[in-house]
Protein backbone atom coordinates (compact mmCIF):
# COMPACT_ATOMS: atom_id res chain seq x y z
CA MET A 1 -0.01 0.04 -0.02
CA LEU A 2 2.76 2.52 0.88
CA ASP A 3 4.25 1.95 -2.59
CA ASP A 4 1.12 3.82 -4.14
CA PRO A 5 2.53 6.59 -6.33
CA ILE A 6 0.12 9.04 -4.73
CA LEU A 7 1.77 8.59 -1.34
CA ARG A 8 5.19 9.67 -2.66
CA ARG A 9 6.47 13.17 -2.61
CA GLN A 10 5.62 14.67 -5.93
CA GLU A 11 7.84 16.53 -8.38
CA GLY A 12 8.07 20.13 -7.15
CA GLU A 13 6.42 19.50 -3.89
CA SER A 14 8.30 20.84 -0.81
CA PHE A 15 8.73 18.38 2.10
CA ASN A 16 6.67 20.63 4.34
CA ARG A 17 3.85 20.53 1.78
CA TYR A 18 4.21 16.88 1.50
CA HIS A 19 4.08 16.52 5.29
CA ILE A 20 0.89 18.59 5.48
CA ARG A 21 -0.80 16.78 2.46
CA LEU A 22 -0.37 13.35 4.07
CA TYR A 23 -2.03 14.48 7.24
CA GLU A 24 -4.77 16.46 5.40
CA LYS A 25 -5.67 13.45 3.36
CA LYS A 26 -5.03 10.89 5.93
CA ASN A 27 -8.48 9.35 5.78
CA GLU A 28 -8.72 9.54 2.04
CA TYR A 29 -5.53 7.65 1.65
CA GLY A 30 -6.39 5.34 4.47
CA LEU A 31 -3.10 5.99 6.41
CA SER A 32 -2.35 5.48 10.10
CA ARG A 33 -0.14 7.86 11.93
CA GLU A 34 2.60 5.22 12.01
CA GLU A 35 2.42 4.80 8.18
CA ILE A 36 2.66 8.60 7.71
CA ALA A 37 5.79 8.53 10.01
CA ASP A 38 7.35 5.79 7.93
CA LEU A 39 6.75 7.77 4.72
CA LEU A 40 8.16 11.05 6.19
CA ASN A 41 11.18 9.33 7.82
CA LYS A 42 11.99 7.67 4.47
CA GLU A 43 11.78 10.96 2.58
CA TYR A 44 13.62 13.02 5.24
CA GLY A 45 16.30 10.39 6.05
CA SER A 46 15.36 10.21 9.77
CA ASN A 47 14.06 7.74 12.37
CA TYR A 48 11.70 9.93 14.38
CA ASP A 49 8.84 8.55 16.37
CA GLU A 50 5.26 9.26 14.91
CA SER A 51 4.48 11.74 17.60
CA LYS A 52 7.19 14.08 16.32
CA TRP A 53 5.53 14.43 12.81
CA ARG A 54 2.14 14.49 14.39
CA LYS A 55 2.96 17.38 16.77
CA ASP A 56 4.67 19.31 13.89
CA TYR A 57 1.45 19.06 11.92
CA ALA A 58 -0.76 20.12 14.98
CA ALA A 59 1.44 23.16 15.45
CA TYR A 60 0.89 23.97 11.84
CA VAL A 61 -2.91 23.68 12.13
CA LYS A 62 -2.82 25.87 15.34
CA TRP A 63 -0.97 28.71 13.66
CA LYS A 64 -2.26 28.52 10.04
CA ASP A 65 -5.09 30.96 10.34
CA PHE A 66 -2.98 33.50 12.09
CA ILE A 67 -0.18 33.18 9.59
CA ILE A 68 -2.55 33.48 6.55
CA ALA A 69 -4.34 36.45 8.16
CA GLU A 70 -1.03 38.36 8.87
CA ASN A 71 0.58 37.72 5.48
CA LEU A 72 -2.15 37.89 2.87
CA ASN A 73 -4.47 40.73 1.67
CA GLU A 74 -8.00 41.02 2.84
CA ASP A 75 -9.52 39.45 -0.46
CA ILE A 76 -7.35 36.47 -0.21
CA VAL A 77 -8.11 35.96 3.44
CA LYS A 78 -11.79 36.30 2.78
CA LYS A 79 -11.54 33.69 0.01
CA TYR A 80 -9.60 31.33 2.39
CA GLU A 81 -12.31 31.69 4.94
CA GLU A 82 -15.05 30.84 2.40
CA LEU A 83 -13.11 27.75 1.44
CA LYS A 84 -12.64 26.89 5.19
CA ILE A 85 -16.28 27.18 5.84
CA GLU A 86 -17.07 25.00 2.80
CA ALA A 87 -14.76 22.34 4.13
CA GLU A 88 -16.41 22.43 7.44
CA LYS A 89 -19.86 22.20 5.91
CA GLU A 90 -18.68 19.23 3.88
CA LYS A 91 -17.49 17.50 7.13
CA VAL A 92 -21.04 18.20 8.61
CA ARG A 93 -22.65 16.71 5.46
CA GLN A 94 -20.54 13.58 5.64
CA ARG A 95 -21.47 13.22 9.41
CA ASP A 96 -25.08 13.67 8.54
CA GLN A 97 -24.84 10.93 5.81
CA LYS A 98 -23.20 8.52 8.11
CA ARG A 99 -25.80 9.20 10.82
CA GLU A 100 -28.65 8.71 8.26
CA TYR A 101 -27.00 5.46 7.10
CA ARG A 102 -26.71 4.15 10.63
CA ASN A 103 -30.36 5.15 11.25
CA LEU A 104 -31.39 3.32 8.03
CA ILE A 105 -29.47 0.08 9.12
CA ARG A 106 -30.95 0.41 12.68
CA ASN A 107 -34.53 0.76 11.30
CA SER A 108 -34.06 -1.93 8.77
CA ALA A 109 -32.88 -4.33 11.48
CA ARG A 110 -35.79 -3.28 13.61
CA PHE A 111 -38.19 -4.19 10.84
CA GLU A 112 -36.53 -7.48 10.12
CA LYS A 113 -36.78 -8.41 13.85
CA ILE A 114 -40.38 -7.45 13.91
CA LYS A 115 -41.08 -9.54 10.76
CA ASP A 116 -39.16 -12.54 12.23
CA ASP A 117 -41.36 -12.21 15.42
CA ILE A 118 -44.55 -11.89 13.51
CA TYR A 119 -43.69 -14.81 11.22
CA GLU A 120 -43.20 -17.00 14.32
CA ALA A 121 -46.52 -15.72 15.66
CA ILE A 122 -48.18 -16.63 12.31
CA LEU A 123 -46.88 -20.17 12.50
CA GLN A 124 -48.13 -20.51 16.06
CA LEU A 125 -51.40 -19.07 15.17
CA GLU A 126 -51.95 -21.37 12.29
CA LYS A 127 -51.65 -24.28 14.58
CA LYS A 128 -54.49 -23.05 16.78
CA LYS A 129 -56.60 -21.15 14.26
CA SER A 130 -56.87 -22.04 10.62
CA LEU A 131 -58.49 -19.77 8.08
CA LYS A 132 -61.76 -21.16 6.78
CA PHE A 133 -61.66 -20.96 2.95
CA ASN A 134 -64.27 -22.65 0.79
CA ASN A 135 -65.11 -21.50 -2.73
CA GLU A 136 -66.78 -24.64 -3.98
CA ASN A 137 -70.33 -23.95 -3.03
CA ARG A 138 -70.98 -20.61 -4.70
CA SER A 139 -74.62 -20.23 -5.50
CA PHE A 140 -75.15 -16.76 -7.11
CA GLU A 141 -74.83 -15.92 -10.76
CA PHE A 142 -71.87 -13.61 -11.68
CA SER A 143 -70.55 -11.90 -14.82
CA GLU A 144 -66.98 -11.62 -15.83
CA GLU A 145 -67.86 -8.16 -17.23
CA ARG A 146 -68.62 -6.83 -13.68
CA HIS A 147 -66.04 -6.06 -11.01
CA GLY A 148 -66.41 -4.50 -7.60
CA LEU A 149 -64.09 -2.21 -5.65
CA ALA A 150 -64.09 -2.12 -1.81
CA LEU A 151 -62.29 0.76 -0.10
CA PHE A 152 -60.88 0.40 3.26
CA SER A 153 -59.24 3.40 4.94
CA ASP A 154 -58.66 5.18 8.26
CA TRP A 155 -59.52 2.35 10.55
CA HIS A 156 -57.22 3.67 13.22
CA PHE A 157 -57.30 0.42 15.13
CA GLY A 158 -55.92 0.77 18.71
CA MET A 159 -57.61 4.15 19.45
CA GLU A 160 -60.34 4.50 21.99
CA VAL A 161 -63.02 7.12 21.60
CA ASP A 162 -66.04 8.03 23.87
CA ASN A 163 -67.58 11.20 23.18
CA THR A 164 -71.12 12.66 22.88
CA ILE A 165 -71.70 11.29 19.20
CA ASN A 166 -69.27 8.27 18.71
CA LYS A 167 -67.81 5.39 20.69
CA TYR A 168 -64.96 3.34 19.28
CA ASN A 169 -62.84 0.58 20.84
CA LYS A 170 -61.80 -3.00 19.92
CA GLU A 171 -65.37 -4.31 20.33
CA VAL A 172 -66.86 -1.54 18.18
CA PHE A 173 -64.09 -2.11 15.61
CA ASN A 174 -64.86 -5.78 15.34
CA GLU A 175 -68.64 -5.08 14.94
CA ARG A 176 -67.97 -2.52 12.23
CA VAL A 177 -65.58 -4.73 10.11
CA THR A 178 -67.97 -7.58 10.25
CA LYS A 179 -70.80 -5.45 9.08
CA LEU A 180 -68.59 -4.02 6.28
CA ALA A 181 -67.51 -7.53 5.07
CA ASN A 182 -71.18 -8.70 5.05
CA LYS A 183 -72.35 -5.55 3.17
CA ILE A 184 -69.63 -6.06 0.50
CA ILE A 185 -70.69 -9.61 -0.07
CA SER A 186 -74.30 -8.65 -0.24
CA TYR A 187 -73.74 -5.79 -2.64
CA GLY A 188 -71.29 -7.80 -4.57
CA LYS A 189 -73.70 -10.72 -5.19
CA PHE A 190 -76.53 -8.30 -5.96
CA ASN A 191 -74.44 -6.72 -8.74
CA LYS A 192 -73.14 -10.12 -9.93
CA ILE A 193 -69.56 -9.25 -9.68
CA SER A 194 -66.85 -11.83 -10.51
CA THR A 195 -63.67 -10.05 -9.37
CA LEU A 196 -63.48 -7.96 -6.25
CA HIS A 197 -60.75 -5.29 -5.86
CA VAL A 198 -60.02 -4.33 -2.24
CA ALA A 199 -57.95 -1.07 -1.86
CA GLN A 200 -56.63 -0.54 1.60
CA LEU A 201 -55.84 3.26 1.59
CA GLY A 202 -53.85 3.66 4.78
CA ASP A 203 -54.02 4.50 8.44
CA LEU A 204 -55.24 1.10 9.53
CA LEU A 205 -53.39 1.74 12.79
CA SER A 206 -53.66 4.33 15.42
CA GLY A 207 -49.97 4.52 15.42
CA MET A 208 -47.86 6.82 17.62
CA ILE A 209 -47.18 9.94 15.63
CA HIS A 210 -49.24 12.42 17.87
CA VAL A 211 -49.49 12.86 21.52
CA SER A 212 -53.20 12.70 21.27
CA THR A 213 -53.11 9.44 19.37
CA ARG A 214 -50.86 7.96 22.01
CA VAL A 215 -53.17 9.03 24.78
CA GLN A 216 -56.19 7.58 22.96
CA SER A 217 -54.62 4.31 22.00
CA ASN A 218 -55.00 1.22 24.07
CA GLU A 219 -52.79 -1.01 22.08
CA ASP A 220 -49.07 -0.66 21.39
CA ILE A 221 -47.88 -0.55 17.71
CA ILE A 222 -46.95 -4.24 17.32
CA GLU A 223 -50.25 -5.40 18.79
CA GLN A 224 -51.95 -2.98 16.38
CA ILE A 225 -50.23 -4.50 13.42
CA GLN A 226 -50.81 -8.05 14.39
CA TYR A 227 -54.54 -7.66 15.30
CA VAL A 228 -55.46 -5.50 12.33
CA SER A 229 -53.48 -7.76 9.82
CA GLU A 230 -55.18 -10.82 11.19
CA THR A 231 -58.55 -9.08 10.93
CA LEU A 232 -57.74 -8.27 7.29
CA ALA A 233 -56.69 -11.78 6.61
CA GLU A 234 -59.95 -13.23 7.93
CA ILE A 235 -62.01 -10.58 5.86
CA LEU A 236 -60.03 -11.45 2.64
CA VAL A 237 -60.57 -15.23 3.03
CA LYS A 238 -64.23 -14.64 3.69
CA LEU A 239 -64.49 -12.53 0.40
CA ALA A 240 -62.33 -15.04 -1.40
CA SER A 241 -64.80 -17.75 -0.67
CA GLU A 242 -67.56 -15.84 -2.33
CA PHE A 243 -65.86 -14.29 -5.40
CA ASN A 244 -63.70 -15.59 -8.11
CA GLU A 245 -60.84 -13.31 -7.62
CA ILE A 246 -59.45 -10.92 -5.00
CA HIS A 247 -57.11 -8.19 -5.80
CA PHE A 248 -55.81 -6.51 -2.64
CA TYR A 249 -53.90 -3.17 -2.82
CA ASN A 250 -52.09 -1.83 0.09
CA VAL A 251 -51.21 1.93 0.28
CA ILE A 252 -49.41 3.15 3.54
CA GLY A 253 -50.90 6.03 5.53
CA ASN A 254 -49.20 8.47 7.82
CA HIS A 255 -50.20 7.05 11.16
CA GLY A 256 -47.89 3.98 10.66
CA ARG A 257 -44.72 6.02 10.20
CA ILE A 258 -41.85 5.83 12.66
CA GLY A 259 -41.64 9.31 14.06
CA LYS A 260 -42.07 12.83 12.69
CA LYS A 261 -42.67 13.22 9.00
CA ASP A 262 -39.55 15.47 8.48
CA ASP A 263 -37.34 12.84 10.11
CA VAL A 264 -38.27 9.72 8.43
CA GLY A 265 -38.57 8.47 4.73
CA ILE A 266 -41.63 7.03 3.10
CA LYS A 267 -40.30 3.46 3.67
CA GLU A 268 -40.03 3.79 7.44
CA ASN A 269 -43.66 2.88 8.04
CA PHE A 270 -45.08 0.03 10.09
CA GLU A 271 -47.85 -0.39 7.54
CA TYR A 272 -45.45 -2.02 5.15
CA ILE A 273 -45.56 -5.06 7.51
CA VAL A 274 -49.27 -5.49 6.81
CA PRO A 275 -49.00 -6.94 3.19
CA TRP A 276 -46.08 -8.98 4.20
CA TYR A 277 -48.10 -10.48 7.03
CA LEU A 278 -50.93 -11.21 4.62
CA GLU A 279 -48.74 -12.73 2.08
CA ALA A 280 -47.46 -15.14 4.80
CA ARG A 281 -50.85 -15.85 6.36
CA LEU A 282 -52.67 -16.31 3.08
CA ARG A 283 -50.02 -18.07 1.05
CA ASN A 284 -52.30 -21.16 0.67
CA ILE A 285 -55.34 -19.16 -0.58
CA PRO A 286 -55.15 -19.37 -4.39
CA ASN A 287 -57.44 -16.61 -5.60
CA ILE A 288 -56.00 -13.71 -3.65
CA LYS A 289 -53.35 -11.32 -5.29
CA ILE A 290 -51.62 -8.72 -2.96
CA VAL A 291 -50.07 -5.62 -4.37
CA SER A 292 -48.15 -3.24 -2.09
CA ASP A 293 -47.15 0.39 -2.93
CA ASN A 294 -43.50 1.49 -3.25
CA ASP A 295 -43.85 5.32 -3.09
CA GLY A 296 -47.18 5.99 -1.45
CA TYR A 297 -49.40 5.16 -4.42
CA ILE A 298 -50.51 2.27 -6.56
CA THR A 299 -51.81 2.54 -10.24
CA THR A 300 -54.18 -0.04 -11.58
CA ASN A 301 -56.98 -0.58 -14.16
CA ILE A 302 -60.42 -1.85 -13.70
CA PHE A 303 -61.38 -2.66 -17.25
CA ASP A 304 -60.56 0.50 -19.13
CA THR A 305 -60.68 2.75 -16.09
CA LYS A 306 -57.28 4.02 -14.98
CA ILE A 307 -57.08 4.40 -11.16
CA VAL A 308 -54.61 5.78 -8.86
CA PHE A 309 -54.91 4.77 -5.17
CA VAL A 310 -53.27 7.06 -2.54
CA HIS A 311 -53.69 7.77 1.08
CA GLY A 312 -54.00 11.48 0.79
CA ASN A 313 -51.44 12.95 3.07
CA PHE A 314 -49.09 13.54 0.10
CA ASP A 315 -51.86 14.43 -2.37
CA ARG A 316 -54.24 17.31 -1.48
CA ILE A 317 -57.60 16.92 -3.30
CA ASP A 318 -57.21 20.36 -5.18
CA GLN A 319 -53.58 19.63 -6.26
CA SER A 320 -53.52 15.88 -7.00
CA VAL A 321 -55.29 16.33 -10.32
CA THR A 322 -52.42 18.40 -11.63
CA LYS A 323 -49.42 16.93 -9.72
CA LEU A 324 -50.03 13.22 -10.18
CA PRO A 325 -50.30 13.23 -13.99
CA GLN A 326 -46.92 15.02 -14.01
CA LEU A 327 -45.50 12.19 -11.99
CA LEU A 328 -47.35 9.30 -13.91
CA GLY A 329 -47.01 10.68 -17.52
CA TYR A 330 -50.65 10.24 -18.17
CA VAL A 331 -54.11 11.60 -16.93
CA PRO A 332 -55.83 9.02 -14.67
CA ASP A 333 -59.52 8.62 -14.79
CA MET A 334 -59.75 8.36 -11.04
CA ILE A 335 -57.79 9.34 -7.96
CA ILE A 336 -58.99 7.59 -4.84
CA GLY A 337 -57.82 8.29 -1.41
CA GLY A 338 -58.68 8.64 2.24
CA HIS A 339 -57.00 10.66 5.07
CA ILE A 340 -59.56 13.31 5.53
CA HIS A 341 -62.32 11.01 7.04
CA HIS A 342 -65.01 12.43 4.72
CA ASN A 343 -67.08 10.92 1.92
CA TYR A 344 -66.29 13.29 -1.04
CA GLU A 345 -66.47 13.12 -4.92
CA ASN A 346 -65.86 15.74 -7.50
CA GLU A 347 -64.95 15.89 -11.24
CA TYR A 348 -61.88 17.78 -12.36
CA GLY A 349 -62.03 17.64 -16.13
CA LYS A 350 -61.22 14.15 -17.34
CA THR A 351 -60.28 12.95 -13.66
CA THR A 352 -62.73 12.17 -10.88
CA VAL A 353 -61.43 12.45 -7.37
CA LEU A 354 -62.96 10.37 -4.58
CA THR A 355 -62.24 10.13 -0.91
CA ASN A 356 -63.37 7.39 1.39
CA GLY A 357 -64.88 7.87 4.80
CA SER A 358 -63.36 6.43 8.00
CA LEU A 359 -64.13 3.38 10.14
CA ILE A 360 -63.35 5.27 13.43
CA GLY A 361 -65.75 8.15 12.99
CA VAL A 362 -65.37 11.27 15.07
CA ASP A 363 -62.36 11.25 17.43
CA ASP A 364 -61.15 13.79 19.87
CA PHE A 365 -59.21 15.79 17.18
CA ALA A 366 -62.35 16.02 14.95
CA MET A 367 -64.44 17.10 17.86
CA GLN A 368 -61.98 19.93 18.78
CA GLY A 369 -62.38 21.23 15.09
CA ARG A 370 -66.00 20.45 15.09
CA HIS A 371 -65.49 18.18 12.06
CA VAL A 372 -68.30 15.61 11.99
CA ALA A 373 -68.62 12.67 9.73
CA LYS A 374 -70.25 9.32 10.23
CA PRO A 375 -68.22 6.21 10.05
CA SER A 376 -68.43 4.72 6.59
CA GLN A 377 -66.71 2.96 3.76
CA LYS A 378 -67.33 2.67 0.07
CA PHE A 379 -68.10 0.01 -2.33
CA MET A 380 -68.20 0.60 -6.11
CA VAL A 381 -69.35 -1.36 -9.07
CA PHE A 382 -67.76 -1.30 -12.38
CA ASP A 383 -69.11 -2.56 -15.71
CA LYS A 384 -66.83 -3.46 -18.66
CA GLU A 385 -68.80 -1.16 -21.11
CA GLU A 386 -70.11 1.60 -18.76
CA GLY A 387 -67.16 1.94 -16.35
CA LEU A 388 -68.15 3.14 -12.89
CA GLU A 389 -71.89 2.22 -12.57
CA SER A 390 -72.74 2.75 -8.94
CA THR A 391 -71.16 3.74 -5.60
CA TYR A 392 -72.46 2.47 -2.18
CA SER A 393 -71.66 4.52 0.93
CA ILE A 394 -71.74 1.73 3.70
CA LYS A 395 -72.75 3.52 6.96
CA LEU A 396 -71.17 1.69 9.95
């Protein structure tokens, strides 16, 4: 390594400049103090200890600013100070990059550990509780030219609410999702659908991003993930027993993220564990297809209708119709999201924007802002020729 030409004294380079260069680029060259001493002793014809060369360099660093300021004109000193500031900023940037990399590794390891624990829990659960799948006794008439779309969003499982107009806890959650699944089956059979698309649009979990959510939550984040994922698995198996195909789409929300939004990336979100759990739990169910987002949105087609599924925290209703086409390279027919806990639909030229209601209903935050909306989710029917034919608002 010490034979590398870059480590030799260059033509026209003074010994002092060579000495300074080796220490200034010590990390870049991958040199130890002892290796620098060997190079300098060889060039100088001496046998000094490494501390001699190190202290000489330290003295140079100590007096460098003073010598420059005393011997150079003001413009040159100013330029030197600017270069010095840039060098310090680069050091800070490198430290920040290293810190972010360590955070990425730590969070990745945390996710892997959680996934390992959950997978073990799935194996144990399967021994005690098998999923009841049976699609051999379908009795209703269906058409391949009719598809259904069920929207799930803003379940906020784990939160407890008890105010003058709404009550929400684990028991109420169970009642509402059971009613929701039964209504989807009823509307699906009535409309003779063959394929059911299920779009999970985020915020299944109460999470831990706000103090108010932590206060209202009665489950920790891992228990929330396990319980809501198992509930989803049971619902999907129930639906898969009734319809030919199930296409499940999973879009992350903001309540599953790990910390403040400015401190974490899109990928650092506990809701990415949900589709992984479902893939493991439903691996033996042949007619369920699971699609997970990569960047907070999913694109798909139902017949000829081009749809974009989002949560809504990155896509304001009044801006998504202009921003998303720039990202996608085409104009979608529908942008469908959640997040605002309100049933909403409006046309913006070629694109229709829809938002789903919430399963939770009015929580403390909504009460403070006097934002009132009944708990609801949507079910939509698509015809191959007509496109979107009807929309059901399922009151829960």
